[in-house]
């Protein structure tokens, strides 16, 4: 059995009401919920939240709010794994015992049901603990520069000063969209970035962190451009 858990606490500070703020005509969380439901991969889809307004929006979009997330799991310092493990343990107590659990972020408007399917397939084929979305850095990380004292610069990796960009190894980062995992891995706090995880590579054109108002505006511009192109 497969369970989808969408974490969506109410206390976002940098972008107030971020999870249900309107994004391109819908509450932000709606885009994640729609992709999850469209995939047909899940026996149950739940939202883990401490916020009544988020809960009401989620229910109106066709998913479950089977519990109120405890306050101790709703602050700025609580990790994703803790939230998912709590949801798994709670739902097991109600007689539903999932084998695979996918955490889908509420602020992932570029997520697709096809990517969710690819992640599930890769995890099963490789007997992996986790499968999650990643994308490549647009510039070689070996050429990264740090500021010293706000006035001087130095390379993080000066040994690559004369290396051609095309000769440098490509690097990737977490795309922040979804994380498939075995229920047992979530509940034992297994490292998501461990050696038994597999990547689901997403093109950079469908990845955008949304942590600031500037990020939000950029994401809407990209989304609308892609939507127009699809039409």
C-alpha atoms as a PDB file:
ATOM      1  CA  UNK A   1       0.000   0.000   0.000  1.00  0.00           C
ATOM      2  CA  UNK A   2       1.160   3.510  -0.799  1.00  0.00           C
ATOM      3  CA  UNK A   3       0.627   6.617   1.314  1.00  0.00           C
ATOM      4  CA  UNK A   4       1.173  10.231   0.267  1.00  0.00           C
ATOM      5  CA  UNK A   5       1.881  12.793   2.985  1.00  0.00           C
ATOM      6  CA  UNK A   6       1.905  16.520   2.238  1.00  0.00           C
ATOM      7  CA  UNK A   7       3.428  18.528   5.116  1.00  0.00           C
ATOM      8  CA  UNK A   8       1.880  22.001   5.364  1.00  0.00           C
ATOM      9  CA  UNK A   9       2.300  23.849   8.617  1.00  0.00           C
ATOM     10  CA  UNK A  10       0.755  27.256   9.110  1.00  0.00           C
ATOM     11  CA  UNK A  11       3.683  29.236  10.496  1.00  0.00           C
ATOM     12  CA  UNK A  12       5.558  30.340   7.389  1.00  0.00           C
ATOM     13  CA  UNK A  13       7.351  33.602   8.195  1.00  0.00           C
ATOM     14  CA  UNK A  14       9.173  34.701   5.040  1.00  0.00           C
ATOM     15  CA  UNK A  15       6.059  34.282   2.874  1.00  0.00           C
ATOM     16  CA  UNK A  16       2.981  34.483   5.133  1.00  0.00           C
ATOM     17  CA  UNK A  17       0.306  31.801   4.467  1.00  0.00           C
ATOM     18  CA  UNK A  18       2.671  30.392   1.846  1.00  0.00           C
ATOM     19  CA  UNK A  19       1.017  26.981   1.514  1.00  0.00           C
ATOM     20  CA  UNK A  20      -2.400  28.377   0.567  1.00  0.00           C
ATOM     21  CA  UNK A  21      -1.436  31.714  -0.961  1.00  0.00           C
ATOM     22  CA  UNK A  22      -2.765  32.001  -4.524  1.00  0.00           C
ATOM     23  CA  UNK A  23      -0.228  30.863  -7.094  1.00  0.00           C
ATOM     24  CA  UNK A  24      -1.241  31.260 -10.736  1.00  0.00           C
ATOM     25  CA  UNK A  25      -4.929  31.100  -9.924  1.00  0.00           C
ATOM     26  CA  UNK A  26      -5.002  28.377  -7.254  1.00  0.00           C
ATOM     27  CA  UNK A  27      -3.884  27.901  -3.659  1.00  0.00           C
ATOM     28  CA  UNK A  28      -0.221  26.837  -3.819  1.00  0.00           C
ATOM     29  CA  UNK A  29      -0.943  23.461  -2.224  1.00  0.00           C
ATOM     30  CA  UNK A  30      -3.503  22.671  -4.945  1.00  0.00           C
ATOM     31  CA  UNK A  31      -0.788  22.039  -7.535  1.00  0.00           C
ATOM     32  CA  UNK A  32       0.825  19.346  -5.392  1.00  0.00           C
ATOM     33  CA  UNK A  33      -2.505  17.760  -4.513  1.00  0.00           C
ATOM     34  CA  UNK A  34      -3.616  17.644  -8.142  1.00  0.00           C
ATOM     35  CA  UNK A  35      -0.388  15.922  -9.247  1.00  0.00           C
ATOM     36  CA  UNK A  36      -0.675  13.367  -6.460  1.00  0.00           C
ATOM     37  CA  UNK A  37      -4.303  12.517  -7.210  1.00  0.00           C
ATOM     38  CA  UNK A  38      -3.672  12.395 -10.958  1.00  0.00           C
ATOM     39  CA  UNK A  39      -0.851   9.873 -10.499  1.00  0.00           C
ATOM     40  CA  UNK A  40      -3.215   7.172  -9.208  1.00  0.00           C
ATOM     41  CA  UNK A  41      -0.324   5.760  -7.178  1.00  0.00           C
ATOM     42  CA  UNK A  42      -1.716   6.210  -3.698  1.00  0.00           C
ATOM     43  CA  UNK A  43      -4.204   4.349  -1.557  1.00  0.00           C
ATOM     44  CA  UNK A  44      -4.487   7.368   0.720  1.00  0.00           C
ATOM     45  CA  UNK A  45      -3.444  11.017   0.470  1.00  0.00           C
ATOM     46  CA  UNK A  46      -3.189  13.053   3.662  1.00  0.00           C
ATOM     47  CA  UNK A  47      -2.062  16.530   4.627  1.00  0.00           C
ATOM     48  CA  UNK A  48      -0.160  16.937   7.894  1.00  0.00           C
ATOM     49  CA  UNK A  49      -0.969  20.388   9.242  1.00  0.00           C
ATOM     50  CA  UNK A  50      -1.500  22.309  12.451  1.00  0.00           C
ATOM     51  CA  UNK A  51      -3.555  25.010  10.711  1.00  0.00           C
ATOM     52  CA  UNK A  52      -7.393  24.937  10.398  1.00  0.00           C
ATOM     53  CA  UNK A  53      -7.433  27.120   7.286  1.00  0.00           C
ATOM     54  CA  UNK A  54      -4.928  24.920   5.467  1.00  0.00           C
ATOM     55  CA  UNK A  55      -6.917  21.880   6.556  1.00  0.00           C
ATOM     56  CA  UNK A  56     -10.139  23.331   5.129  1.00  0.00           C
ATOM     57  CA  UNK A  57      -8.480  24.110   1.788  1.00  0.00           C
ATOM     58  CA  UNK A  58      -6.970  20.620   1.595  1.00  0.00           C
ATOM     59  CA  UNK A  59     -10.276  18.913   2.330  1.00  0.00           C
ATOM     60  CA  UNK A  60     -11.989  21.000  -0.349  1.00  0.00           C
ATOM     61  CA  UNK A  61      -9.384  19.690  -2.807  1.00  0.00           C
ATOM     62  CA  UNK A  62     -10.204  16.075  -2.028  1.00  0.00           C
ATOM     63  CA  UNK A  63      -7.614  14.847   0.463  1.00  0.00           C
ATOM     64  CA  UNK A  64      -7.699  13.749   4.104  1.00  0.00           C
ATOM     65  CA  UNK A  65      -6.812  15.577   7.305  1.00  0.00           C
ATOM     66  CA  UNK A  66      -6.952  12.615   9.701  1.00  0.00           C
ATOM     67  CA  UNK A  67      -5.186  14.380  12.590  1.00  0.00           C
ATOM     68  CA  UNK A  68      -3.944  17.766  13.758  1.00  0.00           C
ATOM     69  CA  UNK A  69      -0.159  17.895  13.711  1.00  0.00           C
ATOM     70  CA  UNK A  70       1.210  18.346  17.260  1.00  0.00           C
ATOM     71  CA  UNK A  71       2.654  21.743  18.151  1.00  0.00           C
ATOM     72  CA  UNK A  72       6.054  20.206  18.902  1.00  0.00           C
ATOM     73  CA  UNK A  73       6.250  19.100  15.263  1.00  0.00           C
ATOM     74  CA  UNK A  74       5.143  22.441  13.827  1.00  0.00           C
ATOM     75  CA  UNK A  75       8.030  24.790  14.552  1.00  0.00           C
ATOM     76  CA  UNK A  76      10.895  26.033  12.388  1.00  0.00           C
ATOM     77  CA  UNK A  77      13.302  23.388  13.655  1.00  0.00           C
ATOM     78  CA  UNK A  78      11.311  20.221  12.972  1.00  0.00           C
ATOM     79  CA  UNK A  79      12.698  18.113  10.143  1.00  0.00           C
ATOM     80  CA  UNK A  80      10.676  16.564   7.346  1.00  0.00           C
ATOM     81  CA  UNK A  81      11.543  13.021   8.423  1.00  0.00           C
ATOM     82  CA  UNK A  82      10.043  13.614  11.874  1.00  0.00           C
ATOM     83  CA  UNK A  83       6.784  14.843  10.346  1.00  0.00           C
ATOM     84  CA  UNK A  84       6.497  11.882   7.973  1.00  0.00           C
ATOM     85  CA  UNK A  85       7.386   9.357  10.688  1.00  0.00           C
ATOM     86  CA  UNK A  86       4.669  10.850  12.902  1.00  0.00           C
ATOM     87  CA  UNK A  87       2.093  10.512  10.121  1.00  0.00           C
ATOM     88  CA  UNK A  88       3.079   6.886   9.476  1.00  0.00           C
ATOM     89  CA  UNK A  89       2.900   5.929  13.151  1.00  0.00           C
ATOM     90  CA  UNK A  90      -0.454   7.682  13.571  1.00  0.00           C
ATOM     91  CA  UNK A  91      -2.029   6.056  10.562  1.00  0.00           C
ATOM     92  CA  UNK A  92      -0.707   2.617  11.533  1.00  0.00           C
ATOM     93  CA  UNK A  93      -2.535   2.965  14.831  1.00  0.00           C
ATOM     94  CA  UNK A  94      -5.731   3.326  12.792  1.00  0.00           C
ATOM     95  CA  UNK A  95      -5.142  -0.001  11.010  1.00  0.00           C
ATOM     96  CA  UNK A  96      -3.591   1.249   7.753  1.00  0.00           C
ATOM     97  CA  UNK A  97      -0.082  -0.120   7.243  1.00  0.00           C
ATOM     98  CA  UNK A  98       1.680   1.456   4.214  1.00  0.00           C
ATOM     99  CA  UNK A  99       4.713  -0.131   2.579  1.00  0.00           C
ATOM    100  CA  UNK A 100       5.849   2.974   0.684  1.00  0.00           C
ATOM    101  CA  UNK A 101       5.339   6.588   1.691  1.00  0.00           C
ATOM    102  CA  UNK A 102       5.894   9.649  -0.468  1.00  0.00           C
ATOM    103  CA  UNK A 103       6.441  13.064   1.061  1.00  0.00           C
ATOM    104  CA  UNK A 104       5.294  15.757  -1.364  1.00  0.00           C
ATOM    105  CA  UNK A 105       6.037  19.371  -0.533  1.00  0.00           C
ATOM    106  CA  UNK A 106       3.079  21.741  -0.558  1.00  0.00           C
ATOM    107  CA  UNK A 107       5.101  24.381  -2.396  1.00  0.00           C
ATOM    108  CA  UNK A 108       6.060  22.357  -5.466  1.00  0.00           C
ATOM    109  CA  UNK A 109       3.940  23.739  -8.320  1.00  0.00           C
ATOM    110  CA  UNK A 110       6.195  22.187 -10.983  1.00  0.00           C
ATOM    111  CA  UNK A 111       5.726  18.641  -9.687  1.00  0.00           C
ATOM    112  CA  UNK A 112       4.252  16.154 -12.152  1.00  0.00           C
ATOM    113  CA  UNK A 113       2.476  12.828 -11.791  1.00  0.00           C
ATOM    114  CA  UNK A 114       4.932  11.366 -14.311  1.00  0.00           C
ATOM    115  CA  UNK A 115       7.866  12.253 -12.054  1.00  0.00           C
ATOM    116  CA  UNK A 116       6.114  10.653  -9.093  1.00  0.00           C
ATOM    117  CA  UNK A 117       5.659   7.484 -11.137  1.00  0.00           C
ATOM    118  CA  UNK A 118       9.321   7.506 -12.201  1.00  0.00           C
ATOM    119  CA  UNK A 119      10.390   7.844  -8.576  1.00  0.00           C
ATOM    120  CA  UNK A 120       8.228   4.936  -7.452  1.00  0.00           C
ATOM    121  CA  UNK A 121       9.473   2.761 -10.302  1.00  0.00           C
ATOM    122  CA  UNK A 122      13.138   3.572  -9.641  1.00  0.00           C
ATOM    123  CA  UNK A 123      12.781   2.898  -5.932  1.00  0.00           C
ATOM    124  CA  UNK A 124      11.172  -0.494  -6.537  1.00  0.00           C
ATOM    125  CA  UNK A 125      13.597  -1.538  -9.303  1.00  0.00           C
ATOM    126  CA  UNK A 126      16.637  -0.700  -7.185  1.00  0.00           C
ATOM    127  CA  UNK A 127      15.270  -1.889  -3.820  1.00  0.00           C
ATOM    128  CA  UNK A 128      16.200   1.594  -2.597  1.00  0.00           C
ATOM    129  CA  UNK A 129      15.334   3.163   0.729  1.00  0.00           C
ATOM    130  CA  UNK A 130      14.472   6.466  -0.960  1.00  0.00           C
ATOM    131  CA  UNK A 131      13.978   8.035  -4.375  1.00  0.00           C
ATOM    132  CA  UNK A 132      13.795  11.801  -4.617  1.00  0.00           C
ATOM    133  CA  UNK A 133      13.890  14.642  -7.120  1.00  0.00           C
ATOM    134  CA  UNK A 134      17.194  16.301  -7.981  1.00  0.00           C
ATOM    135  CA  UNK A 135      18.366  18.746 -10.614  1.00  0.00           C
ATOM    136  CA  UNK A 136      21.733  19.957 -11.859  1.00  0.00           C
ATOM    137  CA  UNK A 137      23.464  23.166 -10.845  1.00  0.00           C
ATOM    138  CA  UNK A 138      23.499  25.694 -13.715  1.00  0.00           C
ATOM    139  CA  UNK A 139      27.158  26.585 -13.061  1.00  0.00           C
ATOM    140  CA  UNK A 140      30.091  24.372 -12.006  1.00  0.00           C
ATOM    141  CA  UNK A 141      30.259  24.277  -8.209  1.00  0.00           C
ATOM    142  CA  UNK A 142      34.032  23.830  -8.473  1.00  0.00           C
ATOM    143  CA  UNK A 143      34.202  27.496  -9.558  1.00  0.00           C
ATOM    144  CA  UNK A 144      32.317  28.772  -6.511  1.00  0.00           C
ATOM    145  CA  UNK A 145      33.663  31.925  -4.859  1.00  0.00           C
ATOM    146  CA  UNK A 146      33.421  33.056  -1.242  1.00  0.00           C
ATOM    147  CA  UNK A 147      33.598  36.602   0.105  1.00  0.00           C
ATOM    148  CA  UNK A 148      36.071  37.382   2.873  1.00  0.00           C
ATOM    149  CA  UNK A 149      35.250  40.399   4.969  1.00  0.00           C
ATOM    150  CA  UNK A 150      32.781  41.555   2.339  1.00  0.00           C
ATOM    151  CA  UNK A 151      35.564  43.008   0.183  1.00  0.00           C
ATOM    152  CA  UNK A 152      37.871  40.216  -0.977  1.00  0.00           C
ATOM    153  CA  UNK A 153      37.201  36.992  -2.800  1.00  0.00           C
ATOM    154  CA  UNK A 154      38.701  33.531  -2.890  1.00  0.00           C
ATOM    155  CA  UNK A 155      37.789  30.328  -4.679  1.00  0.00           C
ATOM    156  CA  UNK A 156      36.397  27.435  -2.676  1.00  0.00           C
ATOM    157  CA  UNK A 157      38.428  25.109  -4.918  1.00  0.00           C
ATOM    158  CA  UNK A 158      41.428  27.049  -6.297  1.00  0.00           C
ATOM    159  CA  UNK A 159      42.839  23.832  -7.770  1.00  0.00           C
ATOM    160  CA  UNK A 160      40.195  24.124 -10.531  1.00  0.00           C
ATOM    161  CA  UNK A 161      41.133  27.668 -11.546  1.00  0.00           C
ATOM    162  CA  UNK A 162      42.482  26.624 -14.948  1.00  0.00           C
ATOM    163  CA  UNK A 163      40.169  23.650 -15.557  1.00  0.00           C
ATOM    164  CA  UNK A 164      37.750  24.100 -18.450  1.00  0.00           C
ATOM    165  CA  UNK A 165      34.079  24.126 -17.428  1.00  0.00           C
ATOM    166  CA  UNK A 166      33.290  21.217 -19.738  1.00  0.00           C
ATOM    167  CA  UNK A 167      35.914  19.108 -17.972  1.00  0.00           C
ATOM    168  CA  UNK A 168      34.395  19.566 -14.526  1.00  0.00           C
ATOM    169  CA  UNK A 169      32.086  16.971 -13.032  1.00  0.00           C
ATOM    170  CA  UNK A 170      28.414  17.972 -13.111  1.00  0.00           C
ATOM    171  CA  UNK A 171      26.873  18.467  -9.681  1.00  0.00           C
ATOM    172  CA  UNK A 172      23.264  18.123  -8.544  1.00  0.00           C
ATOM    173  CA  UNK A 173      21.104  19.349  -5.691  1.00  0.00           C
ATOM    174  CA  UNK A 174      17.819  18.397  -4.070  1.00  0.00           C
ATOM    175  CA  UNK A 175      14.946  19.763  -6.172  1.00  0.00           C
ATOM    176  CA  UNK A 176      12.651  19.999  -3.137  1.00  0.00           C
ATOM    177  CA  UNK A 177       9.593  18.381  -4.707  1.00  0.00           C
ATOM    178  CA  UNK A 178       9.061  14.827  -3.446  1.00  0.00           C
ATOM    179  CA  UNK A 179      10.686  11.996  -1.519  1.00  0.00           C
ATOM    180  CA  UNK A 180       9.577   8.400  -1.986  1.00  0.00           C
ATOM    181  CA  UNK A 181      10.659   6.120   0.830  1.00  0.00           C
ATOM    182  CA  UNK A 182      10.037   2.778   2.427  1.00  0.00           C
ATOM    183  CA  UNK A 183       7.875   3.233   5.514  1.00  0.00           C
ATOM    184  CA  UNK A 184      10.544   1.422   7.529  1.00  0.00           C
ATOM    185  CA  UNK A 185      13.213   3.872   6.332  1.00  0.00           C
ATOM    186  CA  UNK A 186      11.147   6.904   7.336  1.00  0.00           C
ATOM    187  CA  UNK A 187      10.483   5.467  10.793  1.00  0.00           C
ATOM    188  CA  UNK A 188      14.128   4.610  11.513  1.00  0.00           C
ATOM    189  CA  UNK A 189      15.407   8.055  10.482  1.00  0.00           C
ATOM    190  CA  UNK A 190      17.432   6.594   7.620  1.00  0.00           C
ATOM    191  CA  UNK A 191      19.518   9.227   5.831  1.00  0.00           C
ATOM    192  CA  UNK A 192      17.637  10.349   2.710  1.00  0.00           C
ATOM    193  CA  UNK A 193      20.962  11.290   1.119  1.00  0.00           C
ATOM    194  CA  UNK A 194      22.438   7.892   1.936  1.00  0.00           C
ATOM    195  CA  UNK A 195      24.037   5.376  -0.410  1.00  0.00           C
ATOM    196  CA  UNK A 196      20.793   3.417  -0.851  1.00  0.00           C
ATOM    197  CA  UNK A 197      18.854   6.330  -2.345  1.00  0.00           C
ATOM    198  CA  UNK A 198      18.252   6.840  -6.057  1.00  0.00           C
ATOM    199  CA  UNK A 199      17.783  10.099  -7.996  1.00  0.00           C
ATOM    200  CA  UNK A 200      14.859  11.257 -10.088  1.00  0.00           C
ATOM    201  CA  UNK A 201      16.443  13.871 -12.349  1.00  0.00           C
ATOM    202  CA  UNK A 202      14.227  16.885 -13.075  1.00  0.00           C
ATOM    203  CA  UNK A 203      15.142  19.521 -15.702  1.00  0.00           C
ATOM    204  CA  UNK A 204      16.155  22.875 -14.221  1.00  0.00           C
ATOM    205  CA  UNK A 205      13.274  24.507 -16.102  1.00  0.00           C
ATOM    206  CA  UNK A 206      10.877  22.800 -13.667  1.00  0.00           C
ATOM    207  CA  UNK A 207      12.693  23.515 -10.419  1.00  0.00           C
ATOM    208  CA  UNK A 208      12.488  26.684  -8.334  1.00  0.00           C
ATOM    209  CA  UNK A 209      12.995  27.165  -4.602  1.00  0.00           C
ATOM    210  CA  UNK A 210      10.236  29.353  -3.213  1.00  0.00           C
ATOM    211  CA  UNK A 211      11.519  30.851   0.018  1.00  0.00           C
ATOM    212  CA  UNK A 212      11.225  34.598  -0.652  1.00  0.00           C
ATOM    213  CA  UNK A 213       8.837  36.946  -2.419  1.00  0.00           C
ATOM    214  CA  UNK A 214      11.393  37.246  -5.220  1.00  0.00           C
ATOM    215  CA  UNK A 215      11.427  33.437  -5.574  1.00  0.00           C
ATOM    216  CA  UNK A 216       7.628  33.449  -5.706  1.00  0.00           C
ATOM    217  CA  UNK A 217       7.475  36.015  -8.496  1.00  0.00           C
ATOM    218  CA  UNK A 218      10.120  34.168 -10.503  1.00  0.00           C
ATOM    219  CA  UNK A 219       8.294  30.860 -10.077  1.00  0.00           C
ATOM    220  CA  UNK A 220       5.020  32.380 -11.298  1.00  0.00           C
ATOM    221  CA  UNK A 221       6.734  33.831 -14.359  1.00  0.00           C
ATOM    222  CA  UNK A 222       8.289  30.448 -15.232  1.00  0.00           C
ATOM    223  CA  UNK A 223       5.030  28.616 -14.583  1.00  0.00           C
ATOM    224  CA  UNK A 224       2.931  30.960 -16.694  1.00  0.00           C
ATOM    225  CA  UNK A 225       5.437  30.837 -19.537  1.00  0.00           C
ATOM    226  CA  UNK A 226       5.367  27.047 -19.561  1.00  0.00           C
ATOM    227  CA  UNK A 227       1.573  26.994 -19.353  1.00  0.00           C
ATOM    228  CA  UNK A 228       1.289  29.307 -22.353  1.00  0.00           C
ATOM    229  CA  UNK A 229       3.724  27.128 -24.301  1.00  0.00           C
ATOM    230  CA  UNK A 230       1.714  24.005 -23.489  1.00  0.00           C
ATOM    231  CA  UNK A 231      -1.454  25.662 -24.796  1.00  0.00           C
END
